[in-house]
Amino acid sequence: QSDFGAGACGAASSTCGPTVGSFGCYSHSHGNEKSLGCFCKQPVGRSVPMNETSNSVSVPIRGTGITLEVATYPIWNDVVSMSIHSNKELFCDDVVMSAARQTRKRLGRPLACIDVGANLGSCGLWWLAERLCHQGIFYEVNPRTAKLLHKTLRQNPHLPGKAILRTTAVGDRTGEETTLFI
């Protein structure tokens, strides 16, 4: 973690504050790039309420000329939000992105893409921004997270393609009740 520097983690620890708890560092690889960041950890059994006036981050999508305004949770509340804030980019696994690009190239036309368990919409937003999809259908059952994704879609009318948000669960059977653990 010497590449990251103790100063940056020290700064993150002061943002966490005493009501949230301690902080930690994480790293993830994206292609040939490696990024490191910090996040605040909640004490076990303590819940930090979501800020109803969520944070938005300007995220440039590499190679597209498009910058999206992405609504996120407060950074101490969610590791995906922290990653978006720290790196100023959406995260979608390289294997998933590669498969979408190859399929688009093989078919010679944009796809209809479905992002199941979309969370904040990172993969689906990236697919639309790269014009891999002419339509993106986002499934996110968590009502608080779906609200943030809805805000993101509203804030980005310039997003290529049509974006549809479905706030239902997806499974192998219909009509069955499911429990959502948040």
Protein backbone atom coordinates (compact mmCIF):
# COMPACT_ATOMS: atom_id res chain seq x y z
CA GLN A 1 0.00 0.00 0.00
CA SER A 2 3.03 2.24 -0.15
CA ASP A 3 1.96 3.23 -3.70
CA PHE A 4 -1.18 4.73 -2.22
CA GLY A 5 0.50 6.73 0.52
CA ALA A 6 -0.35 6.99 4.18
CA GLY A 7 -1.34 10.64 3.80
CA ALA A 8 -4.37 9.82 1.64
CA CYS A 9 -5.60 7.15 4.05
CA GLY A 10 -5.02 9.52 6.94
CA ALA A 11 -7.18 12.10 5.17
CA ALA A 12 -9.87 9.47 4.63
CA SER A 13 -9.82 8.54 8.30
CA SER A 14 -10.61 12.13 9.28
CA THR A 15 -13.62 12.14 6.90
CA CYS A 16 -15.02 9.00 8.50
CA GLY A 17 -15.56 10.78 11.81
CA PRO A 18 -16.30 9.23 15.18
CA THR A 19 -19.91 8.24 14.42
CA VAL A 20 -18.96 6.02 11.52
CA GLY A 21 -15.96 4.10 12.81
CA SER A 22 -12.62 3.16 11.36
CA PHE A 23 -11.36 3.21 7.80
CA GLY A 24 -9.63 0.78 5.49
CA CYS A 25 -7.98 0.67 2.10
CA TYR A 26 -8.89 -1.42 -0.93
CA SER A 27 -7.45 -2.07 -4.35
CA HIS A 28 -8.87 -3.38 -7.59
CA SER A 29 -7.50 -3.98 -11.05
CA HIS A 30 -9.18 -2.80 -14.22
CA GLY A 31 -7.36 -3.96 -17.33
CA ASN A 32 -3.75 -2.89 -16.93
CA GLU A 33 -4.64 -0.24 -14.38
CA LYS A 34 -4.61 -0.76 -10.65
CA SER A 35 -6.41 1.64 -8.37
CA LEU A 36 -6.29 1.99 -4.63
CA GLY A 37 -8.64 3.87 -2.37
CA CYS A 38 -9.97 4.23 1.13
CA PHE A 39 -13.36 3.59 2.64
CA CYS A 40 -14.98 4.12 6.01
CA LYS A 41 -16.15 1.07 7.92
CA GLN A 42 -19.24 1.11 10.08
CA PRO A 43 -19.01 -0.44 13.52
CA VAL A 44 -20.78 -3.82 13.68
CA GLY A 45 -24.46 -3.40 14.50
CA ARG A 46 -24.50 0.31 13.72
CA SER A 47 -26.44 1.68 10.78
CA VAL A 48 -25.59 4.95 9.07
CA PRO A 49 -28.75 6.39 7.50
CA MET A 50 -28.66 7.19 3.81
CA ASN A 51 -28.43 10.88 3.07
CA GLU A 52 -31.62 11.61 1.12
CA THR A 53 -29.76 14.34 -0.76
CA SER A 54 -27.38 11.79 -2.26
CA ASN A 55 -23.98 12.71 -3.59
CA SER A 56 -23.47 12.99 -7.33
CA VAL A 57 -20.13 12.49 -9.02
CA SER A 58 -19.08 13.55 -12.53
CA VAL A 59 -17.67 10.46 -14.20
CA PRO A 60 -16.03 10.70 -17.64
CA ILE A 61 -16.46 7.47 -19.64
CA ARG A 62 -13.12 6.76 -21.28
CA GLY A 63 -13.07 6.86 -25.07
CA THR A 64 -16.64 8.16 -25.48
CA GLY A 65 -16.51 11.91 -24.87
CA ILE A 66 -19.42 11.41 -22.45
CA THR A 67 -19.43 12.51 -18.81
CA LEU A 68 -22.20 11.17 -16.59
CA GLU A 69 -23.54 12.54 -13.33
CA VAL A 70 -23.81 9.45 -11.11
CA ALA A 71 -25.89 9.55 -7.92
CA THR A 72 -24.25 7.61 -5.11
CA TYR A 73 -24.62 6.84 -1.45
CA PRO A 74 -22.50 8.86 0.96
CA ILE A 75 -19.01 7.41 0.54
CA TRP A 76 -18.85 5.77 3.98
CA ASN A 77 -22.07 3.86 3.37
CA ASP A 78 -21.18 1.76 0.32
CA VAL A 79 -17.97 0.43 -1.23
CA VAL A 80 -19.30 0.89 -4.80
CA SER A 81 -20.02 4.57 -4.08
CA MET A 82 -16.58 4.95 -2.51
CA SER A 83 -14.96 3.45 -5.60
CA ILE A 84 -16.88 5.81 -7.91
CA HIS A 85 -15.88 8.82 -5.79
CA SER A 86 -12.23 7.77 -5.46
CA ASN A 87 -11.58 6.70 -9.03
CA LYS A 88 -14.04 8.94 -10.92
CA GLU A 89 -15.02 5.97 -13.05
CA LEU A 90 -17.68 3.32 -13.22
CA PHE A 91 -16.65 -0.22 -12.45
CA CYS A 92 -17.68 -3.12 -14.64
CA ASP A 93 -15.67 -6.32 -14.65
CA ASP A 94 -13.24 -6.65 -17.59
CA VAL A 95 -14.69 -10.04 -18.56
CA VAL A 96 -18.22 -8.59 -18.75
CA MET A 97 -17.09 -5.55 -20.76
CA SER A 98 -15.03 -7.69 -23.12
CA ALA A 99 -17.95 -10.07 -23.75
CA ALA A 100 -20.29 -7.14 -24.50
CA ARG A 101 -17.77 -5.54 -26.88
CA GLN A 102 -17.12 -8.84 -28.70
CA THR A 103 -20.83 -9.61 -29.06
CA ARG A 104 -21.53 -6.09 -30.38
CA LYS A 105 -18.68 -6.46 -32.90
CA ARG A 106 -19.76 -9.96 -33.98
CA LEU A 107 -23.40 -8.92 -34.52
CA GLY A 108 -22.45 -5.62 -36.13
CA ARG A 109 -25.19 -3.73 -34.32
CA PRO A 110 -25.99 -2.43 -30.83
CA LEU A 111 -27.48 -4.88 -28.36
CA ALA A 112 -30.39 -4.79 -25.97
CA CYS A 113 -28.62 -5.15 -22.63
CA ILE A 114 -30.03 -6.26 -19.30
CA ASP A 115 -28.27 -5.37 -16.05
CA VAL A 116 -29.73 -7.65 -13.33
CA GLY A 117 -28.85 -6.55 -9.81
CA ALA A 118 -27.77 -3.25 -11.31
CA ASN A 119 -26.86 -1.56 -8.03
CA LEU A 120 -25.89 2.00 -9.09
CA GLY A 121 -25.90 0.98 -12.78
CA SER A 122 -22.16 0.90 -13.49
CA CYS A 123 -22.19 -1.82 -16.16
CA GLY A 124 -25.40 -0.76 -17.91
CA LEU A 125 -24.40 2.92 -17.96
CA TRP A 126 -21.02 2.03 -19.42
CA TRP A 127 -22.62 -0.21 -22.06
CA LEU A 128 -24.94 2.61 -23.12
CA ALA A 129 -22.17 5.24 -23.10
CA GLU A 130 -19.98 3.05 -25.34
CA ARG A 131 -22.98 2.50 -27.62
CA LEU A 132 -22.71 -1.25 -27.14
CA CYS A 133 -26.46 -1.20 -26.42
CA HIS A 134 -29.36 0.63 -28.02
CA GLN A 135 -31.41 -0.17 -24.92
CA GLY A 136 -30.41 -0.84 -21.33
CA ILE A 137 -32.84 -2.45 -18.91
CA PHE A 138 -31.72 -2.08 -15.29
CA TYR A 139 -33.19 -4.40 -12.62
CA GLU A 140 -32.59 -3.20 -9.05
CA VAL A 141 -34.86 -4.39 -6.25
CA ASN A 142 -33.36 -2.38 -3.36
CA PRO A 143 -35.66 0.68 -3.17
CA ARG A 144 -32.97 3.06 -1.88
CA THR A 145 -30.46 2.00 -4.52
CA ALA A 146 -33.13 2.08 -7.27
CA LYS A 147 -33.92 5.66 -6.22
CA LEU A 148 -30.27 6.62 -6.77
CA LEU A 149 -30.15 4.84 -10.14
CA HIS A 150 -33.37 6.59 -11.16
CA LYS A 151 -31.77 9.93 -10.24
CA THR A 152 -28.70 9.06 -12.33
CA LEU A 153 -30.86 8.23 -15.36
CA ARG A 154 -32.82 11.51 -14.94
CA GLN A 155 -29.58 13.52 -14.67
CA ASN A 156 -28.24 12.13 -17.95
CA PRO A 157 -30.77 12.71 -20.75
CA HIS A 158 -27.81 12.82 -23.20
CA LEU A 159 -27.04 9.14 -22.53
CA PRO A 160 -27.12 7.26 -25.86
CA GLY A 161 -29.86 4.66 -26.13
CA LYS A 162 -32.95 4.07 -24.09
CA ALA A 163 -32.63 3.32 -20.37
CA ILE A 164 -35.40 1.53 -18.48
CA LEU A 165 -35.37 0.94 -14.73
CA ARG A 166 -37.35 -1.99 -13.29
CA THR A 167 -37.63 -2.16 -9.52
CA THR A 168 -38.50 -5.83 -9.33
CA ALA A 169 -36.57 -8.95 -8.45
CA VAL A 170 -35.47 -11.36 -11.15
CA GLY A 171 -35.57 -15.10 -10.56
CA ASP A 172 -36.35 -18.45 -12.08
CA ARG A 173 -39.97 -18.51 -10.88
CA THR A 174 -42.80 -16.00 -11.02
CA GLY A 175 -45.22 -15.05 -8.28
CA GLU A 176 -43.00 -16.11 -5.40
CA GLU A 177 -42.28 -13.76 -2.56
CA THR A 178 -38.66 -12.95 -1.84
CA THR A 179 -36.91 -11.40 1.13
CA LEU A 180 -34.53 -8.51 0.60
CA PHE A 181 -31.71 -8.18 3.13
CA ILE A 182 -30.28 -4.67 3.28
